[in-house]
Amino acid sequence: MTTTVAVFKTNVKRRAQADRLLSLLNQSNPGCRINFDLDDCDKILRVEGNTLCCNKLIQLLKFNGHACEVLT
């Protein structure tokens, strides 16, 4: 099975925000490896897994008050 990697630019600034979002993202995307790089200027969200739905990830962050867009 092919693993897909998606990278997103976010406006998540604090570790507490990232930890709360990681909990939600892990629940809705079981089996994926998900992490934030808050030291990067784009506050990167990186998701790796076999089945990814980028729109679903973006909507989850937006629903929780954060900007999120696919980084190209």
Protein backbone atom coordinates (compact mmCIF):
# COMPACT_ATOMS: atom_id res chain seq x y z
CA MET A 1 0.00 0.00 0.00
CA THR A 2 1.32 3.45 -0.89
CA THR A 3 1.92 5.95 1.89
CA THR A 4 0.91 9.54 1.18
CA VAL A 5 2.43 12.60 2.83
CA ALA A 6 0.57 15.90 3.03
CA VAL A 7 2.05 19.13 4.36
CA PHE A 8 -0.07 22.07 5.50
CA LYS A 9 0.58 25.67 6.49
CA THR A 10 -1.30 26.61 9.67
CA ASN A 11 -1.58 29.46 12.15
CA VAL A 12 -1.24 27.23 15.22
CA LYS A 13 1.15 29.08 17.53
CA ARG A 14 1.18 27.33 20.89
CA ARG A 15 2.07 23.77 21.85
CA ALA A 16 -1.16 23.44 23.87
CA GLN A 17 -3.19 24.24 20.74
CA ALA A 18 -1.17 21.76 18.70
CA ASP A 19 -1.59 19.02 21.32
CA ARG A 20 -5.38 19.49 21.42
CA LEU A 21 -5.57 19.42 17.61
CA LEU A 22 -3.30 16.36 17.43
CA SER A 23 -5.72 14.52 19.69
CA LEU A 24 -8.64 15.37 17.39
CA LEU A 25 -6.67 14.61 14.23
CA ASN A 26 -5.49 11.24 15.56
CA GLN A 27 -9.07 10.28 16.43
CA SER A 28 -10.35 11.13 12.97
CA ASN A 29 -7.33 9.69 11.11
CA PRO A 30 -6.37 6.43 12.82
CA GLY A 31 -3.19 4.87 11.54
CA CYS A 32 -1.73 8.17 10.32
CA ARG A 33 1.45 9.76 11.63
CA ILE A 34 0.65 13.40 12.41
CA ASN A 35 2.84 16.15 13.82
CA PHE A 36 3.27 19.92 14.00
CA ASP A 37 6.50 21.85 13.47
CA LEU A 38 5.77 25.07 15.32
CA ASP A 39 9.38 26.27 14.92
CA ASP A 40 8.86 26.57 11.15
CA CYS A 41 7.62 29.98 9.97
CA ASP A 42 4.62 28.27 8.33
CA LYS A 43 3.66 26.34 11.52
CA ILE A 44 3.71 23.10 9.53
CA LEU A 45 1.24 20.26 10.00
CA ARG A 46 2.57 17.04 8.45
CA VAL A 47 0.35 14.02 7.94
CA GLU A 48 1.52 10.63 6.66
CA GLY A 49 -0.77 7.70 6.00
CA ASN A 50 -2.35 5.31 3.55
CA THR A 51 -5.65 7.16 3.24
CA LEU A 52 -5.69 10.93 3.58
CA CYS A 53 -8.50 13.37 2.97
CA CYS A 54 -6.90 16.82 2.86
CA ASN A 55 -10.25 18.61 2.83
CA LYS A 56 -11.32 16.77 5.98
CA LEU A 57 -8.11 17.78 7.77
CA ILE A 58 -8.46 21.41 6.69
CA GLN A 59 -12.10 21.54 7.78
CA LEU A 60 -11.25 20.07 11.19
CA LEU A 61 -8.67 22.78 11.84
CA LYS A 62 -10.95 25.54 10.54
CA PHE A 63 -13.84 24.26 12.68
CA ASN A 64 -11.51 24.62 15.67
CA GLY A 65 -10.57 28.21 14.79
CA HIS A 66 -7.33 27.75 12.88
CA ALA A 67 -6.23 28.52 9.35
CA CYS A 68 -4.95 25.58 7.34
CA GLU A 69 -3.97 25.22 3.69
CA VAL A 70 -2.04 22.72 1.63
CA LEU A 71 1.57 23.80 1.24
CA THR A 72 2.76 23.53 -2.34
